[in-house]
PDB file of N, CA and C in Angstrom:
ATOM      1  N   MET A   1      -8.013  22.525  -2.099  1.00  0.00           N
ATOM      2  CA  MET A   1      -6.735  22.141  -1.533  1.00  0.00           C
ATOM      3  C   MET A   1      -6.492  20.915  -1.546  1.00  0.00           C
ATOM      4  N   THR A   2      -5.786  20.555  -1.504  1.00  0.00           N
ATOM      5  CA  THR A   2      -4.733  18.577  -1.369  1.00  0.00           C
ATOM      6  C   THR A   2      -4.259  18.550  -0.255  1.00  0.00           C
ATOM      7  N   ALA A   3      -4.709  17.177   0.685  1.00  0.00           N
ATOM      8  CA  ALA A   3      -4.722  17.693   1.194  1.00  0.00           C
ATOM      9  C   ALA A   3      -3.202  15.934   1.419  1.00  0.00           C
ATOM     10  N   ARG A   4      -2.092  16.064   2.137  1.00  0.00           N
ATOM     11  CA  ARG A   4      -0.718  15.384   1.760  1.00  0.00           C
ATOM     12  C   ARG A   4      -1.024  14.187   2.277  1.00  0.00           C
ATOM     13  N   CYS A   5      -0.268  13.105   2.582  1.00  0.00           N
ATOM     14  CA  CYS A   5       0.090  11.987   3.278  1.00  0.00           C
ATOM     15  C   CYS A   5       1.262  12.840   4.605  1.00  0.00           C
ATOM     16  N   PRO A   6       1.124  12.299   5.612  1.00  0.00           N
ATOM     17  CA  PRO A   6       2.248  12.695   6.347  1.00  0.00           C
ATOM     18  C   PRO A   6       3.726  11.966   6.027  1.00  0.00           C
ATOM     19  N   PRO A   7       5.278  12.651   6.468  1.00  0.00           N
ATOM     20  CA  PRO A   7       6.101  11.937   5.263  1.00  0.00           C
ATOM     21  C   PRO A   7       5.973  10.421   5.743  1.00  0.00           C
ATOM     22  N   ASP A   8       5.936  10.077   6.732  1.00  0.00           N
ATOM     23  CA  ASP A   8       5.508   8.343   7.161  1.00  0.00           C
ATOM     24  C   ASP A   8       5.163   7.931   6.577  1.00  0.00           C
ATOM     25  N   LEU A   9       4.318   7.662   6.204  1.00  0.00           N
ATOM     26  CA  LEU A   9       2.704   7.429   4.999  1.00  0.00           C
ATOM     27  C   LEU A   9       3.731   7.221   3.609  1.00  0.00           C
ATOM     28  N   ASP A  10       4.661   8.653   3.434  1.00  0.00           N
ATOM     29  CA  ASP A  10       4.718   8.434   2.098  1.00  0.00           C
ATOM     30  C   ASP A  10       5.744   7.744   1.589  1.00  0.00           C
ATOM     31  N   ALA A  11       6.619   7.230   2.859  1.00  0.00           N
ATOM     32  CA  ALA A  11       7.396   6.605   2.847  1.00  0.00           C
ATOM     33  C   ALA A  11       6.854   4.602   2.525  1.00  0.00           C
ATOM     34  N   ILE A  12       5.728   4.473   3.650  1.00  0.00           N
ATOM     35  CA  ILE A  12       5.758   3.344   3.825  1.00  0.00           C
ATOM     36  C   ILE A  12       5.150   3.183   2.608  1.00  0.00           C
ATOM     37  N   PHE A  13       4.108   4.142   1.854  1.00  0.00           N
ATOM     38  CA  PHE A  13       2.969   3.746   0.362  1.00  0.00           C
ATOM     39  C   PHE A  13       4.434   3.690  -0.768  1.00  0.00           C
ATOM     40  N   ALA A  14       5.673   4.212  -0.455  1.00  0.00           N
ATOM     41  CA  ALA A  14       6.901   4.566  -1.576  1.00  0.00           C
ATOM     42  C   ALA A  14       7.221   2.773  -1.742  1.00  0.00           C
ATOM     43  N   ALA A  15       7.340   2.381  -0.060  1.00  0.00           N
ATOM     44  CA  ALA A  15       8.418   0.122   0.042  1.00  0.00           C
ATOM     45  C   ALA A  15       7.259  -0.155   0.031  1.00  0.00           C
ATOM     46  N   LEU A  16       5.612   0.189  -0.484  1.00  0.00           N
ATOM     47  CA  LEU A  16       4.957  -1.316  -0.936  1.00  0.00           C
ATOM     48  C   LEU A  16       4.657  -1.012  -2.110  1.00  0.00           C
ATOM     49  N   ALA A  17       5.692   0.176  -2.546  1.00  0.00           N
ATOM     50  CA  ALA A  17       5.086   0.138  -3.928  1.00  0.00           C
ATOM     51  C   ALA A  17       5.702  -1.318  -4.801  1.00  0.00           C
ATOM     52  N   ASP A  18       6.947  -1.311  -4.280  1.00  0.00           N
ATOM     53  CA  ASP A  18       7.666  -2.385  -5.372  1.00  0.00           C
ATOM     54  C   ASP A  18       6.935  -4.541  -5.164  1.00  0.00           C
ATOM     55  N   PRO A  19       6.797  -4.549  -5.984  1.00  0.00           N
ATOM     56  CA  PRO A  19       6.386  -6.063  -5.300  1.00  0.00           C
ATOM     57  C   PRO A  19       7.395  -6.828  -5.367  1.00  0.00           C
ATOM     58  N   THR A  20       9.210  -6.755  -5.329  1.00  0.00           N
ATOM     59  CA  THR A  20      10.016  -7.516  -4.366  1.00  0.00           C
ATOM     60  C   THR A  20      10.358  -6.818  -3.786  1.00  0.00           C
ATOM     61  N   ARG A  21       9.596  -5.898  -2.558  1.00  0.00           N
ATOM     62  CA  ARG A  21       9.508  -5.570  -1.125  1.00  0.00           C
ATOM     63  C   ARG A  21       8.580  -6.475  -1.026  1.00  0.00           C
ATOM     64  N   ARG A  22       6.648  -6.470  -1.723  1.00  0.00           N
ATOM     65  CA  ARG A  22       5.806  -6.546  -1.417  1.00  0.00           C
ATOM     66  C   ARG A  22       6.446  -7.928  -0.794  1.00  0.00           C
ATOM     67  N   ALA A  23       6.823  -8.657  -2.219  1.00  0.00           N
ATOM     68  CA  ALA A  23       7.113 -10.235  -0.912  1.00  0.00           C
ATOM     69  C   ALA A  23       8.119 -10.531  -0.627  1.00  0.00           C
ATOM     70  N   ILE A  24       9.187  -9.462   0.197  1.00  0.00           N
ATOM     71  CA  ILE A  24       9.619  -9.317   0.840  1.00  0.00           C
ATOM     72  C   ILE A  24       9.207  -9.987   2.530  1.00  0.00           C
ATOM     73  N   LEU A  25       8.119  -8.309   2.404  1.00  0.00           N
ATOM     74  CA  LEU A  25       7.082  -8.789   3.095  1.00  0.00           C
ATOM     75  C   LEU A  25       6.715  -9.943   3.916  1.00  0.00           C
ATOM     76  N   THR A  26       5.794 -10.431   2.647  1.00  0.00           N
ATOM     77  CA  THR A  26       4.910 -11.991   2.504  1.00  0.00           C
ATOM     78  C   THR A  26       5.582 -12.863   2.947  1.00  0.00           C
ATOM     79  N   MET A  27       6.995 -12.479   2.931  1.00  0.00           N
ATOM     80  CA  MET A  27       8.045 -13.576   3.584  1.00  0.00           C
ATOM     81  C   MET A  27       7.921 -13.060   4.508  1.00  0.00           C
ATOM     82  N   LEU A  28       8.020 -12.525   5.249  1.00  0.00           N
ATOM     83  CA  LEU A  28       8.816 -12.490   6.122  1.00  0.00           C
ATOM     84  C   LEU A  28       7.844 -11.986   7.969  1.00  0.00           C
ATOM     85  N   LEU A  29       6.240 -12.130   6.962  1.00  0.00           N
ATOM     86  CA  LEU A  29       5.079 -12.503   8.399  1.00  0.00           C
ATOM     87  C   LEU A  29       5.414 -13.742   8.520  1.00  0.00           C
ATOM     88  N   GLU A  30       6.145 -15.037   8.150  1.00  0.00           N
ATOM     89  CA  GLU A  30       6.414 -16.642   8.405  1.00  0.00           C
ATOM     90  C   GLU A  30       7.347 -16.854   9.892  1.00  0.00           C
ATOM     91  N   ASP A  31       7.991 -15.523   9.591  1.00  0.00           N
ATOM     92  CA  ASP A  31       9.216 -16.207  10.667  1.00  0.00           C
ATOM     93  C   ASP A  31      10.629 -14.495  10.510  1.00  0.00           C
ATOM     94  N   ASP A  32      11.209 -15.027  11.139  1.00  0.00           N
ATOM     95  CA  ASP A  32      12.248 -13.585  11.211  1.00  0.00           C
ATOM     96  C   ASP A  32      13.594 -14.685  10.226  1.00  0.00           C
ATOM     97  N   MET A  33      13.475 -13.629   8.933  1.00  0.00           N
ATOM     98  CA  MET A  33      14.964 -14.481   8.495  1.00  0.00           C
ATOM     99  C   MET A  33      16.106 -13.803   8.375  1.00  0.00           C
ATOM    100  N   ALA A  34      17.375 -14.335   7.909  1.00  0.00           N
ATOM    101  CA  ALA A  34      18.611 -13.481   7.798  1.00  0.00           C
ATOM    102  C   ALA A  34      18.367 -13.501   6.719  1.00  0.00           C
ATOM    103  N   VAL A  35      19.398 -12.349   5.830  1.00  0.00           N
ATOM    104  CA  VAL A  35      19.071 -11.785   4.572  1.00  0.00           C
ATOM    105  C   VAL A  35      19.863 -12.616   3.482  1.00  0.00           C
ATOM    106  N   THR A  36      21.434 -13.897   3.570  1.00  0.00           N
ATOM    107  CA  THR A  36      20.945 -14.042   3.107  1.00  0.00           C
ATOM    108  C   THR A  36      19.483 -14.766   2.737  1.00  0.00           C
ATOM    109  N   ASP A  37      18.827 -16.043   3.430  1.00  0.00           N
ATOM    110  CA  ASP A  37      17.887 -16.164   3.008  1.00  0.00           C
ATOM    111  C   ASP A  37      17.122 -15.323   2.786  1.00  0.00           C
ATOM    112  N   VAL A  38      16.050 -14.323   3.181  1.00  0.00           N
ATOM    113  CA  VAL A  38      15.487 -13.570   2.300  1.00  0.00           C
ATOM    114  C   VAL A  38      16.094 -13.562   0.327  1.00  0.00           C
ATOM    115  N   ALA A  39      17.022 -13.231   0.068  1.00  0.00           N
ATOM    116  CA  ALA A  39      17.384 -12.972  -0.860  1.00  0.00           C
ATOM    117  C   ALA A  39      17.557 -14.626  -1.855  1.00  0.00           C
ATOM    118  N   ALA A  40      16.789 -15.500  -1.279  1.00  0.00           N
ATOM    119  CA  ALA A  40      17.953 -17.164  -1.602  1.00  0.00           C
ATOM    120  C   ALA A  40      16.232 -16.984  -3.346  1.00  0.00           C
ATOM    121  N   PRO A  41      15.024 -16.803  -2.712  1.00  0.00           N
ATOM    122  CA  PRO A  41      14.196 -16.854  -4.255  1.00  0.00           C
ATOM    123  C   PRO A  41      14.473 -16.184  -5.184  1.00  0.00           C
ATOM    124  N   PHE A  42      15.003 -15.119  -5.012  1.00  0.00           N
ATOM    125  CA  PHE A  42      15.041 -13.720  -5.611  1.00  0.00           C
ATOM    126  C   PHE A  42      15.943 -14.140  -6.781  1.00  0.00           C
ATOM    127  N   SER A  43      16.129 -13.320  -7.915  1.00  0.00           N
ATOM    128  CA  SER A  43      17.533 -13.633  -8.802  1.00  0.00           C
ATOM    129  C   SER A  43      18.219 -12.149  -9.121  1.00  0.00           C
ATOM    130  N   MET A  44      18.492 -12.217  -8.160  1.00  0.00           N
ATOM    131  CA  MET A  44      18.609 -10.763  -7.920  1.00  0.00           C
ATOM    132  C   MET A  44      20.331 -10.776  -6.773  1.00  0.00           C
ATOM    133  N   SER A  45      21.345  -9.385  -7.139  1.00  0.00           N
ATOM    134  CA  SER A  45      22.354  -9.502  -6.160  1.00  0.00           C
ATOM    135  C   SER A  45      22.007  -9.404  -5.343  1.00  0.00           C
ATOM    136  N   LEU A  46      22.672 -10.112  -3.549  1.00  0.00           N
ATOM    137  CA  LEU A  46      22.749  -9.644  -2.749  1.00  0.00           C
ATOM    138  C   LEU A  46      22.511  -8.425  -2.266  1.00  0.00           C
ATOM    139  N   ALA A  47      23.101  -7.695  -3.001  1.00  0.00           N
ATOM    140  CA  ALA A  47      23.700  -5.809  -2.920  1.00  0.00           C
ATOM    141  C   ALA A  47      22.226  -5.554  -2.830  1.00  0.00           C
ATOM    142  N   ALA A  48      21.216  -5.792  -4.531  1.00  0.00           N
ATOM    143  CA  ALA A  48      20.459  -5.423  -4.873  1.00  0.00           C
ATOM    144  C   ALA A  48      18.959  -5.196  -3.679  1.00  0.00           C
ATOM    145  N   ILE A  49      18.930  -6.452  -2.632  1.00  0.00           N
ATOM    146  CA  ILE A  49      18.236  -7.530  -2.061  1.00  0.00           C
ATOM    147  C   ILE A  49      18.134  -6.878  -0.374  1.00  0.00           C
ATOM    148  N   SER A  50      19.340  -6.153  -0.502  1.00  0.00           N
ATOM    149  CA  SER A  50      20.049  -5.828   0.582  1.00  0.00           C
ATOM    150  C   SER A  50      19.465  -3.686   0.702  1.00  0.00           C
ATOM    151  N   LYS A  51      19.722  -3.151  -0.431  1.00  0.00           N
ATOM    152  CA  LYS A  51      19.053  -2.012  -1.081  1.00  0.00           C
ATOM    153  C   LYS A  51      17.840  -1.811  -0.723  1.00  0.00           C
ATOM    154  N   HIS A  52      16.635  -2.571  -0.854  1.00  0.00           N
ATOM    155  CA  HIS A  52      15.423  -2.968  -0.927  1.00  0.00           C
ATOM    156  C   HIS A  52      15.245  -2.984   0.904  1.00  0.00           C
ATOM    157  N   LEU A  53      15.757  -4.104   1.193  1.00  0.00           N
ATOM    158  CA  LEU A  53      15.356  -4.082   3.051  1.00  0.00           C
ATOM    159  C   LEU A  53      16.122  -2.634   3.252  1.00  0.00           C
ATOM    160  N   GLY A  54      17.398  -2.179   2.887  1.00  0.00           N
ATOM    161  CA  GLY A  54      17.174  -0.831   3.352  1.00  0.00           C
ATOM    162  C   GLY A  54      16.126   0.232   3.524  1.00  0.00           C
ATOM    163  N   ILE A  55      15.161   0.411   2.433  1.00  0.00           N
ATOM    164  CA  ILE A  55      14.252   1.053   1.714  1.00  0.00           C
ATOM    165  C   ILE A  55      12.476   0.614   2.387  1.00  0.00           C
ATOM    166  N   LEU A  56      12.252  -0.808   3.180  1.00  0.00           N
ATOM    167  CA  LEU A  56      11.498  -1.505   3.829  1.00  0.00           C
ATOM    168  C   LEU A  56      11.715  -0.558   5.881  1.00  0.00           C
ATOM    169  N   ALA A  57      13.739  -0.237   6.011  1.00  0.00           N
ATOM    170  CA  ALA A  57      13.735  -0.357   6.884  1.00  0.00           C
ATOM    171  C   ALA A  57      13.546   0.840   7.269  1.00  0.00           C
ATOM    172  N   GLU A  58      13.822   1.856   6.522  1.00  0.00           N
ATOM    173  CA  GLU A  58      13.572   2.967   6.380  1.00  0.00           C
ATOM    174  C   GLU A  58      11.955   3.509   6.490  1.00  0.00           C
ATOM    175  N   ALA A  59      11.725   2.961   6.169  1.00  0.00           N
ATOM    176  CA  ALA A  59       9.681   3.078   6.174  1.00  0.00           C
ATOM    177  C   ALA A  59       8.998   2.616   7.272  1.00  0.00           C
ATOM    178  N   GLY A  60       9.906   1.599   8.111  1.00  0.00           N
ATOM    179  CA  GLY A  60      10.105   0.994   9.532  1.00  0.00           C
ATOM    180  C   GLY A  60       8.952   0.183   9.652  1.00  0.00           C
ATOM    181  N   LEU A  61       8.891  -0.692   7.961  1.00  0.00           N
ATOM    182  CA  LEU A  61       7.733  -1.480   8.252  1.00  0.00           C
ATOM    183  C   LEU A  61       8.900  -2.906   8.924  1.00  0.00           C
ATOM    184  N   ILE A  62      10.251  -3.331   8.997  1.00  0.00           N
ATOM    185  CA  ILE A  62      11.011  -3.985   9.252  1.00  0.00           C
ATOM    186  C   ILE A  62      11.830  -3.489  10.129  1.00  0.00           C
ATOM    187  N   ALA A  63      11.991  -4.988  10.817  1.00  0.00           N
ATOM    188  CA  ALA A  63      13.475  -4.042  11.469  1.00  0.00           C
ATOM    189  C   ALA A  63      15.167  -5.340  11.214  1.00  0.00           C
ATOM    190  N   GLN A  64      16.158  -4.902  11.779  1.00  0.00           N
ATOM    191  CA  GLN A  64      17.401  -5.287  10.890  1.00  0.00           C
ATOM    192  C   GLN A  64      17.947  -5.224  11.919  1.00  0.00           C
ATOM    193  N   GLU A  65      18.847  -6.510  12.752  1.00  0.00           N
ATOM    194  CA  GLU A  65      19.717  -6.923  13.546  1.00  0.00           C
ATOM    195  C   GLU A  65      20.502  -7.405  13.031  1.00  0.00           C
ATOM    196  N   LYS A  66      21.789  -7.908  14.634  1.00  0.00           N
ATOM    197  CA  LYS A  66      22.605  -8.371  13.734  1.00  0.00           C
ATOM    198  C   LYS A  66      22.797  -9.610  15.050  1.00  0.00           C
ATOM    199  N   ARG A  67      23.282 -11.129  14.442  1.00  0.00           N
ATOM    200  CA  ARG A  67      23.101 -12.167  15.762  1.00  0.00           C
ATOM    201  C   ARG A  67      24.567 -12.825  14.872  1.00  0.00           C
ATOM    202  N   GLY A  68      25.209 -12.489  15.464  1.00  0.00           N
ATOM    203  CA  GLY A  68      26.342 -13.203  15.239  1.00  0.00           C
ATOM    204  C   GLY A  68      27.137 -12.842  13.992  1.00  0.00           C
ATOM    205  N   ARG A  69      27.813 -13.632  13.233  1.00  0.00           N
ATOM    206  CA  ARG A  69      27.588 -12.937  11.596  1.00  0.00           C
ATOM    207  C   ARG A  69      27.064 -12.812  11.457  1.00  0.00           C
ATOM    208  N   LEU A  70      25.808 -12.654  11.002  1.00  0.00           N
ATOM    209  CA  LEU A  70      24.361 -13.234  10.100  1.00  0.00           C
ATOM    210  C   LEU A  70      23.704 -11.266  10.041  1.00  0.00           C
ATOM    211  N   LYS A  71      22.824 -10.881  10.047  1.00  0.00           N
ATOM    212  CA  LYS A  71      22.110  -9.977   9.107  1.00  0.00           C
ATOM    213  C   LYS A  71      20.366 -10.531   9.522  1.00  0.00           C
ATOM    214  N   TRP A  72      19.652 -10.343  10.398  1.00  0.00           N
ATOM    215  CA  TRP A  72      18.223 -10.672  10.742  1.00  0.00           C
ATOM    216  C   TRP A  72      17.403  -9.275  10.299  1.00  0.00           C
ATOM    217  N   CYS A  73      16.801 -10.051   9.290  1.00  0.00           N
ATOM    218  CA  CYS A  73      14.916  -9.371   9.095  1.00  0.00           C
ATOM    219  C   CYS A  73      13.664  -9.911  10.036  1.00  0.00           C
ATOM    220  N   LYS A  74      12.812  -8.294  10.500  1.00  0.00           N
ATOM    221  CA  LYS A  74      11.858  -9.449  10.804  1.00  0.00           C
ATOM    222  C   LYS A  74      11.187  -8.355  11.124  1.00  0.00           C
ATOM    223  N   LEU A  75       9.552  -8.297  10.990  1.00  0.00           N
ATOM    224  CA  LEU A  75       8.480  -7.730  10.383  1.00  0.00           C
ATOM    225  C   LEU A  75       7.946  -7.319  10.857  1.00  0.00           C
ATOM    226  N   ASP A  76       8.103  -6.385  11.006  1.00  0.00           N
ATOM    227  CA  ASP A  76       7.137  -4.955  12.326  1.00  0.00           C
ATOM    228  C   ASP A  76       6.005  -4.217  11.996  1.00  0.00           C
ATOM    229  N   PRO A  77       4.738  -4.982  12.331  1.00  0.00           N
ATOM    230  CA  PRO A  77       3.827  -5.264  11.088  1.00  0.00           C
ATOM    231  C   PRO A  77       2.195  -4.243  12.740  1.00  0.00           C
ATOM    232  N   ASP A  78       3.543  -3.101  13.757  1.00  0.00           N
ATOM    233  CA  ASP A  78       2.753  -2.195  14.159  1.00  0.00           C
ATOM    234  C   ASP A  78       3.593  -1.216  12.970  1.00  0.00           C
ATOM    235  N   ALA A  79       3.938  -1.176  12.125  1.00  0.00           N
ATOM    236  CA  ALA A  79       5.008   0.202  11.048  1.00  0.00           C
ATOM    237  C   ALA A  79       3.970   0.773   9.968  1.00  0.00           C
ATOM    238  N   MET A  80       2.643  -0.248  10.210  1.00  0.00           N
ATOM    239  CA  MET A  80       1.429  -0.298   9.097  1.00  0.00           C
ATOM    240  C   MET A  80       0.511   0.581   9.960  1.00  0.00           C
ATOM    241  N   ARG A  81       0.255   0.018  11.303  1.00  0.00           N
ATOM    242  CA  ARG A  81      -0.803   0.489  11.943  1.00  0.00           C
ATOM    243  C   ARG A  81      -1.523   2.344  10.795  1.00  0.00           C
ATOM    244  N   ALA A  82      -0.386   3.517  10.892  1.00  0.00           N
ATOM    245  CA  ALA A  82      -1.186   4.418  10.366  1.00  0.00           C
ATOM    246  C   ALA A  82      -1.771   4.684   9.136  1.00  0.00           C
ATOM    247  N   ALA A  83      -0.621   3.722   8.559  1.00  0.00           N
ATOM    248  CA  ALA A  83      -0.782   3.375   6.736  1.00  0.00           C
ATOM    249  C   ALA A  83      -2.048   3.068   6.964  1.00  0.00           C
ATOM    250  N   SER A  84      -2.617   2.438   7.700  1.00  0.00           N
ATOM    251  CA  SER A  84      -3.842   0.905   8.014  1.00  0.00           C
ATOM    252  C   SER A  84      -5.452   1.810   8.222  1.00  0.00           C
ATOM    253  N   VAL A  85      -4.645   3.060   9.727  1.00  0.00           N
ATOM    254  CA  VAL A  85      -5.598   4.159   9.798  1.00  0.00           C
ATOM    255  C   VAL A  85      -6.054   5.027   8.806  1.00  0.00           C
ATOM    256  N   TRP A  86      -4.779   5.441   8.366  1.00  0.00           N
ATOM    257  CA  TRP A  86      -5.551   5.948   7.028  1.00  0.00           C
ATOM    258  C   TRP A  86      -6.329   5.999   6.142  1.00  0.00           C
ATOM    259  N   MET A  87      -5.928   4.453   5.460  1.00  0.00           N
ATOM    260  CA  MET A  87      -6.977   3.833   4.987  1.00  0.00           C
ATOM    261  C   MET A  87      -8.285   3.687   4.891  1.00  0.00           C
ATOM    262  N   GLN A  88      -8.550   3.091   6.328  1.00  0.00           N
ATOM    263  CA  GLN A  88      -9.752   2.677   6.790  1.00  0.00           C
ATOM    264  C   GLN A  88     -10.328   4.103   7.107  1.00  0.00           C
ATOM    265  N   GLY A  89      -9.946   5.051   6.710  1.00  0.00           N
ATOM    266  CA  GLY A  89     -10.538   6.627   6.429  1.00  0.00           C
ATOM    267  C   GLY A  89     -11.200   6.751   5.875  1.00  0.00           C
ATOM    268  N   PHE A  90     -11.414   5.994   4.624  1.00  0.00           N
ATOM    269  CA  PHE A  90     -12.327   5.314   3.246  1.00  0.00           C
ATOM    270  C   PHE A  90     -12.884   4.558   2.805  1.00  0.00           C
ATOM    271  N   GLY A  91     -12.911   3.946   4.407  1.00  0.00           N
ATOM    272  CA  GLY A  91     -13.850   3.095   4.272  1.00  0.00           C
ATOM    273  C   GLY A  91     -15.704   3.506   4.387  1.00  0.00           C
ATOM    274  N   GLN A  92     -15.399   4.536   4.239  1.00  0.00           N
ATOM    275  CA  GLN A  92     -16.614   5.175   5.610  1.00  0.00           C
ATOM    276  C   GLN A  92     -17.940   5.201   4.282  1.00  0.00           C
ATOM    277  N   PHE A  93     -17.845   5.329   3.352  1.00  0.00           N
ATOM    278  CA  PHE A  93     -18.139   5.598   2.223  1.00  0.00           C
ATOM    279  C   PHE A  93     -18.728   4.354   1.670  1.00  0.00           C
ATOM    280  N   ASP A  94     -19.684   4.163   1.705  1.00  0.00           N
ATOM    281  CA  ASP A  94     -20.816   2.762   0.789  1.00  0.00           C
ATOM    282  C   ASP A  94     -20.132   3.310  -0.601  1.00  0.00           C
ATOM    283  N   PRO A  95     -19.803   2.206  -1.110  1.00  0.00           N
ATOM    284  CA  PRO A  95     -19.706   1.918  -3.155  1.00  0.00           C
ATOM    285  C   PRO A  95     -21.016   2.338  -3.743  1.00  0.00           C
ATOM    286  N   VAL A  96     -20.341   3.521  -4.666  1.00  0.00           N
ATOM    287  CA  VAL A  96     -21.387   3.345  -5.329  1.00  0.00           C
ATOM    288  C   VAL A  96     -21.706   2.394  -6.286  1.00  0.00           C
ATOM    289  N   ASP A  97     -23.433   2.676  -6.224  1.00  0.00           N
ATOM    290  CA  ASP A  97     -24.027   1.095  -7.397  1.00  0.00           C
ATOM    291  C   ASP A  97     -23.753   1.789  -9.086  1.00  0.00           C
ATOM    292  N   LEU A  98     -23.332   1.795  -9.538  1.00  0.00           N
ATOM    293  CA  LEU A  98     -23.780   2.474 -11.343  1.00  0.00           C
ATOM    294  C   LEU A  98     -24.561   2.095 -11.705  1.00  0.00           C
ATOM    295  N   ASP A  99     -24.857   0.344 -11.309  1.00  0.00           N
ATOM    296  CA  ASP A  99     -26.006   0.058 -11.999  1.00  0.00           C
ATOM    297  C   ASP A  99     -27.753   1.296 -11.747  1.00  0.00           C
ATOM    298  N   ALA A 100     -27.349   1.293 -10.247  1.00  0.00           N
ATOM    299  CA  ALA A 100     -28.492   1.920  -9.915  1.00  0.00           C
ATOM    300  C   ALA A 100     -28.666   3.669 -10.446  1.00  0.00           C
ATOM    301  N   PHE A 101     -27.165   4.307 -10.718  1.00  0.00           N
ATOM    302  CA  PHE A 101     -26.490   6.238 -10.607  1.00  0.00           C
ATOM    303  C   PHE A 101     -27.776   5.591 -11.954  1.00  0.00           C
ATOM    304  N   GLU A 102     -27.127   5.102 -12.951  1.00  0.00           N
ATOM    305  CA  GLU A 102     -27.155   4.484 -14.184  1.00  0.00           C
ATOM    306  C   GLU A 102     -28.999   4.696 -15.207  1.00  0.00           C
ATOM    307  N   ARG A 103     -29.582   3.446 -14.179  1.00  0.00           N
ATOM    308  CA  ARG A 103     -31.086   3.838 -14.060  1.00  0.00           C
ATOM    309  C   ARG A 103     -31.384   5.355 -13.848  1.00  0.00           C
ATOM    310  N   PHE A 104     -31.150   5.677 -12.716  1.00  0.00           N
ATOM    311  CA  PHE A 104     -31.094   7.142 -12.269  1.00  0.00           C
ATOM    312  C   PHE A 104     -30.775   8.060 -13.293  1.00  0.00           C
ATOM    313  N   LEU A 105     -29.818   8.410 -14.154  1.00  0.00           N
ATOM    314  CA  LEU A 105     -29.639   9.295 -14.709  1.00  0.00           C
ATOM    315  C   LEU A 105     -30.590   9.221 -16.495  1.00  0.00           C
ATOM    316  N   GLU A 106     -31.290   8.001 -16.928  1.00  0.00           N
ATOM    317  CA  GLU A 106     -32.180   6.973 -17.673  1.00  0.00           C
ATOM    318  C   GLU A 106     -33.390   7.582 -17.804  1.00  0.00           C
ATOM    319  N   THR A 107     -33.355   7.680 -16.513  1.00  0.00           N
ATOM    320  CA  THR A 107     -35.045   7.642 -15.532  1.00  0.00           C
ATOM    321  C   THR A 107     -34.954   9.578 -16.126  1.00  0.00           C
ATOM    322  N   GLU A 108     -34.448  10.215 -15.030  1.00  0.00           N
ATOM    323  CA  GLU A 108     -33.783  11.747 -15.252  1.00  0.00           C
ATOM    324  C   GLU A 108     -34.044  12.348 -16.538  1.00  0.00           C
ATOM    325  N   LEU A 109     -32.925  11.556 -17.818  1.00  0.00           N
ATOM    326  CA  LEU A 109     -32.412  12.374 -18.586  1.00  0.00           C
ATOM    327  C   LEU A 109     -34.482  12.347 -19.330  1.00  0.00           C
ATOM    328  N   ALA A 110     -34.863  10.918 -19.436  1.00  0.00           N
ATOM    329  CA  ALA A 110     -36.544  10.741 -20.380  1.00  0.00           C
ATOM    330  C   ALA A 110     -37.773  11.850 -20.422  1.00  0.00           C
ATOM    331  N   GLU A 111     -37.625  12.289 -18.174  1.00  0.00           N
ATOM    332  CA  GLU A 111     -38.361  13.056 -18.058  1.00  0.00           C
ATOM    333  C   GLU A 111     -38.783  14.615 -18.634  1.00  0.00           C
ATOM    334  N   HIS A 112     -36.650  14.444 -18.442  1.00  0.00           N
ATOM    335  CA  HIS A 112     -36.833  16.107 -18.964  1.00  0.00           C
ATOM    336  C   HIS A 112     -36.142  16.148 -20.318  1.00  0.00           C
ATOM    337  N   ALA A 113     -37.417  15.244 -20.813  1.00  0.00           N
ATOM    338  CA  ALA A 113     -36.108  15.409 -22.225  1.00  0.00           C
ATOM    339  C   ALA A 113     -37.032  16.537 -23.017  1.00  0.00           C
ATOM    340  N   ASP A 114     -38.106  16.633 -23.273  1.00  0.00           N
ATOM    341  CA  ASP A 114     -39.272  18.310 -24.098  1.00  0.00           C
ATOM    342  C   ASP A 114     -38.850  19.608 -22.747  1.00  0.00           C
ATOM    343  N   GLU A 115     -37.690  19.670 -21.692  1.00  0.00           N
ATOM    344  CA  GLU A 115     -37.426  20.064 -20.839  1.00  0.00           C
ATOM    345  C   GLU A 115     -36.412  21.705 -22.373  1.00  0.00           C
ATOM    346  N   PRO A 116     -36.394  22.820 -22.271  1.00  0.00           N
ATOM    347  CA  PRO A 116     -35.475  23.249 -22.744  1.00  0.00           C
ATOM    348  C   PRO A 116     -34.416  23.298 -21.653  1.00  0.00           C
ATOM    349  N   PRO A 117     -32.666  22.662 -22.415  1.00  0.00           N
ATOM    350  CA  PRO A 117     -32.443  23.556 -21.381  1.00  0.00           C
ATOM    351  C   PRO A 117     -31.660  24.456 -20.461  1.00  0.00           C
ATOM    352  N   ARG A 118     -31.666  24.711 -19.215  1.00  0.00           N
ATOM    353  CA  ARG A 118     -31.173  25.157 -18.140  1.00  0.00           C
ATOM    354  C   ARG A 118     -29.862  25.730 -18.846  1.00  0.00           C
ATOM    355  N   LEU A 119     -29.464  27.124 -18.742  1.00  0.00           N
ATOM    356  CA  LEU A 119     -28.638  28.798 -18.781  1.00  0.00           C
ATOM    357  C   LEU A 119     -28.119  29.020 -17.856  1.00  0.00           C
ATOM    358  N   GLY A 120     -26.849  28.847 -17.163  1.00  0.00           N
ATOM    359  CA  GLY A 120     -26.688  29.593 -15.430  1.00  0.00           C
ATOM    360  C   GLY A 120     -27.237  28.951 -14.344  1.00  0.00           C
TER     361      GLY A 120
END
């Protein structure tokens, strides 16, 4: 059985998959920014940045609003809550100590080296 993420998580993870969008989110951690200011450090068109911002907005990671003649972007920190809760579910497991596991296997194999293999 394969479990799928709810659609909102799919949109969040898809938005986070792009390094440009992650960089934009990092910039917005500091403060709200006008779209033109968001675009300034990138060597791409304003239209391309606007497309990235649209994807972030659709995923709920940012909000955009018109202030006078400028469009502003604001990070929505609550939007990642569902993704964070989902990922924290994986933190309940202790990390596997591969060195200890390898030592265990070596010991087991050495102890049972003379035994005939089991079938079925």
